[in-house]
Amino acid sequence: MTESDGNFEPNVEATDFVDGILEQWRAVAPGLMLSDMATLGRLMRTQVLVVRQLEARYARHGLTMWMFDVLATLKRNGPPYRLSPTALYSSLLVTSGTMTHRLKKLDGEGWIRRVDDPDDARSMLVELTEAGHTLIDRLVVEHLEEEARLLAGLGDAERRALDEGLRALSLNLEHVSQTRADESGR
């Protein structure tokens, strides 16, 4: 990517981080089938690099990725922009203890508040404050801009193929996970 135009032309002949790992394996164990390692290694390496870039964007606002995720989850669920802590931690795939700690932090920053659940006097709901709305509305735009910047080196066909391949992988992994959960519950 050049500073002046922001465009990046990938060199498909270039090697990446995962190529180095594969070469090491080929040197010590030449008979191994490494194609799956290559695919999943690149997927995991890509995730690390994407998270690093997104975290840097959030840090400019004093946020972490998990903070953005909680605020964005409340926002994307629509009016009245409130959920139970259980719905939040289930949606974000964290434990209830982790969610409790996170909610205390966000409440302390003034971005969320806990309110009584009108349907259950024993329960509380978590909702965005006005400051939380203002922050997440601005950050979602920045988040989308950052995602576009991260994918700028790919053409439309490459993006579609990547998205379709990742969707297929995600569905397969969800199926494998559910099958294992069903088998362990027997």
Protein backbone atom coordinates (compact mmCIF):
# COMPACT_ATOMS: atom_id res chain seq x y z
CA MET A 1 0.00 0.00 0.00
CA THR A 2 1.35 3.39 -0.82
CA GLU A 3 0.84 6.45 1.37
CA SER A 4 -0.42 8.54 -1.51
CA ASP A 5 -3.23 6.45 -2.96
CA GLY A 6 -4.08 3.88 -0.29
CA ASN A 7 -4.20 1.13 -2.92
CA PHE A 8 -2.51 -2.20 -2.46
CA GLU A 9 -1.76 -4.65 -5.21
CA PRO A 10 -1.14 -8.06 -3.65
CA ASN A 11 1.75 -10.03 -5.02
CA VAL A 12 0.39 -13.56 -5.33
CA GLU A 13 3.94 -14.82 -5.81
CA ALA A 14 5.03 -13.40 -2.44
CA THR A 15 5.25 -15.59 0.64
CA ASP A 16 3.44 -14.90 3.87
CA PHE A 17 3.96 -15.79 7.52
CA VAL A 18 2.24 -19.16 7.11
CA ASP A 19 4.46 -20.10 4.16
CA GLY A 20 7.41 -19.89 6.54
CA ILE A 21 5.76 -22.28 8.98
CA LEU A 22 4.88 -24.70 6.20
CA GLU A 23 8.47 -24.68 4.94
CA GLN A 24 9.70 -25.52 8.44
CA TRP A 25 7.33 -28.51 8.57
CA ARG A 26 8.36 -29.65 5.10
CA ALA A 27 12.00 -29.57 6.22
CA VAL A 28 11.47 -31.74 9.31
CA ALA A 29 8.58 -33.94 8.13
CA PRO A 30 8.43 -33.97 4.32
CA GLY A 31 5.54 -36.44 4.08
CA LEU A 32 2.95 -34.42 5.99
CA MET A 33 -0.15 -33.18 4.18
CA LEU A 34 -0.14 -29.48 5.03
CA SER A 35 -2.96 -28.00 2.95
CA ASP A 36 -5.43 -27.86 5.87
CA MET A 37 -2.75 -26.37 8.11
CA ALA A 38 -2.11 -23.73 5.45
CA THR A 39 -5.78 -22.76 5.20
CA LEU A 40 -6.49 -22.68 8.93
CA GLY A 41 -3.12 -21.09 9.69
CA ARG A 42 -3.92 -18.23 7.33
CA LEU A 43 -7.38 -17.90 8.81
CA MET A 44 -5.97 -17.65 12.34
CA ARG A 45 -3.16 -15.31 11.30
CA THR A 46 -5.66 -13.10 9.50
CA GLN A 47 -7.81 -12.96 12.62
CA VAL A 48 -4.84 -11.81 14.70
CA LEU A 49 -3.99 -9.08 12.18
CA VAL A 50 -7.60 -7.89 11.86
CA VAL A 51 -8.10 -7.75 15.63
CA ARG A 52 -4.87 -5.79 16.01
CA GLN A 53 -6.10 -3.16 13.53
CA LEU A 54 -9.60 -2.93 15.00
CA GLU A 55 -8.25 -2.70 18.56
CA ALA A 56 -6.03 0.21 17.50
CA ARG A 57 -9.10 2.00 16.11
CA TYR A 58 -11.11 1.45 19.31
CA ALA A 59 -8.20 2.48 21.54
CA ARG A 60 -8.39 5.99 20.06
CA HIS A 61 -11.70 6.28 21.91
CA GLY A 62 -10.56 4.56 25.11
CA LEU A 63 -12.31 1.33 24.14
CA THR A 64 -11.35 -2.29 23.67
CA MET A 65 -12.88 -4.73 21.22
CA TRP A 66 -15.08 -6.31 23.89
CA MET A 67 -16.43 -2.87 24.84
CA PHE A 68 -17.30 -2.18 21.21
CA ASP A 69 -18.93 -5.62 20.93
CA VAL A 70 -21.21 -5.05 23.95
CA LEU A 71 -22.27 -1.57 22.83
CA ALA A 72 -22.77 -2.73 19.23
CA THR A 73 -24.83 -5.74 20.38
CA LEU A 74 -27.16 -3.48 22.34
CA LYS A 75 -27.46 -1.09 19.38
CA ARG A 76 -28.05 -3.72 16.71
CA ASN A 77 -30.87 -5.30 18.73
CA GLY A 78 -32.86 -2.12 18.15
CA PRO A 79 -35.20 -0.13 20.36
CA PRO A 80 -35.30 0.03 23.30
CA TYR A 81 -31.59 -0.91 23.02
CA ARG A 82 -31.66 -3.13 26.05
CA LEU A 83 -31.02 -6.80 26.76
CA SER A 84 -30.72 -9.07 29.72
CA PRO A 85 -27.19 -9.85 30.88
CA THR A 86 -27.87 -13.49 29.92
CA ALA A 87 -28.81 -12.52 26.36
CA LEU A 88 -25.68 -10.39 26.14
CA TYR A 89 -23.25 -13.03 27.35
CA SER A 90 -24.89 -15.69 25.21
CA SER A 91 -24.64 -13.47 22.14
CA LEU A 92 -21.00 -12.58 22.83
CA LEU A 93 -19.95 -16.11 23.86
CA VAL A 94 -18.51 -15.17 27.25
CA THR A 95 -19.24 -16.42 30.75
CA SER A 96 -21.67 -14.71 33.10
CA GLY A 97 -18.78 -13.72 35.40
CA THR A 98 -16.91 -12.13 32.51
CA MET A 99 -20.05 -10.27 31.43
CA THR A 100 -20.64 -8.98 34.97
CA HIS A 101 -17.12 -7.51 35.06
CA ARG A 102 -17.57 -5.97 31.60
CA LEU A 103 -20.93 -4.43 32.44
CA LYS A 104 -19.50 -2.82 35.58
CA LYS A 105 -16.75 -1.24 33.49
CA LEU A 106 -19.16 0.06 30.83
CA ASP A 107 -21.56 1.33 33.49
CA GLY A 108 -18.68 3.14 35.18
CA GLU A 109 -17.87 4.84 31.87
CA GLY A 110 -21.50 5.97 31.56
CA TRP A 111 -22.16 4.10 28.31
CA ILE A 112 -24.73 1.66 29.72
CA ARG A 113 -27.04 1.50 32.72
CA ARG A 114 -28.96 -1.23 34.44
CA VAL A 115 -32.70 -0.84 34.61
CA ASP A 116 -35.46 -2.91 36.20
CA ASP A 117 -36.97 -5.56 33.95
CA PRO A 118 -40.66 -4.62 33.62
CA ASP A 119 -41.53 -8.29 33.03
CA ASP A 120 -39.59 -9.70 36.00
CA ALA A 121 -39.15 -7.69 39.19
CA ARG A 122 -36.22 -9.93 40.19
CA SER A 123 -34.19 -9.11 37.08
CA MET A 124 -32.29 -6.21 35.60
CA LEU A 125 -31.76 -5.27 31.97
CA VAL A 126 -28.79 -3.52 30.40
CA GLU A 127 -29.45 -0.54 28.13
CA LEU A 128 -27.45 2.04 26.25
CA THR A 129 -27.28 5.51 27.76
CA GLU A 130 -27.42 8.62 25.59
CA ALA A 131 -23.60 8.76 25.79
CA GLY A 132 -23.49 5.09 24.75
CA HIS A 133 -25.73 5.79 21.75
CA THR A 134 -23.59 8.72 20.66
CA LEU A 135 -20.39 6.73 21.02
CA ILE A 136 -21.55 3.57 19.23
CA ASP A 137 -23.20 5.53 16.41
CA ARG A 138 -19.85 7.21 15.69
CA LEU A 139 -17.81 4.04 16.19
CA VAL A 140 -19.92 1.87 13.91
CA VAL A 141 -19.17 4.25 11.04
CA GLU A 142 -15.45 4.17 11.88
CA HIS A 143 -15.57 0.38 12.26
CA LEU A 144 -17.07 -0.01 8.78
CA GLU A 145 -14.46 2.37 7.35
CA GLU A 146 -11.71 0.30 8.96
CA GLU A 147 -13.16 -2.93 7.60
CA ALA A 148 -13.26 -1.40 4.11
CA ARG A 149 -9.63 -0.31 4.50
CA LEU A 150 -8.60 -3.80 5.60
CA LEU A 151 -10.28 -5.39 2.57
CA ALA A 152 -9.24 -2.73 0.05
CA GLY A 153 -6.60 -4.98 -1.51
CA LEU A 154 -9.21 -7.48 -2.67
CA GLY A 155 -11.36 -7.14 -5.74
CA ASP A 156 -15.12 -7.70 -5.69
CA ALA A 157 -14.84 -11.29 -6.95
CA GLU A 158 -12.19 -12.10 -4.35
CA ARG A 159 -14.33 -10.62 -1.58
CA ARG A 160 -17.37 -12.63 -2.69
CA ALA A 161 -15.35 -15.84 -2.93
CA LEU A 162 -13.79 -15.23 0.48
CA ASP A 163 -17.17 -14.47 2.04
CA GLU A 164 -18.78 -17.56 0.49
CA GLY A 165 -15.89 -19.78 1.57
CA LEU A 166 -15.92 -18.42 5.11
CA ARG A 167 -19.71 -18.83 5.34
CA ALA A 168 -19.39 -22.48 4.26
CA LEU A 169 -16.59 -23.03 6.78
CA SER A 170 -18.60 -21.35 9.54
CA LEU A 171 -21.68 -23.48 8.83
CA ASN A 172 -19.54 -26.62 8.78
CA LEU A 173 -17.85 -25.75 12.08
CA GLU A 174 -21.20 -24.95 13.71
CA HIS A 175 -22.48 -28.35 12.55
CA VAL A 176 -19.37 -30.14 13.87
CA SER A 177 -19.66 -28.28 17.18
CA GLN A 178 -23.35 -29.13 17.56
CA THR A 179 -22.75 -32.78 16.61
CA ARG A 180 -20.01 -33.08 19.25
CA ALA A 181 -22.21 -31.38 21.84
CA ASP A 182 -25.05 -33.79 21.02
CA GLU A 183 -22.71 -36.79 21.24
CA SER A 184 -21.24 -35.71 24.58
CA GLY A 185 -24.73 -35.17 25.98
CA ARG A 186 -25.81 -38.73 25.32
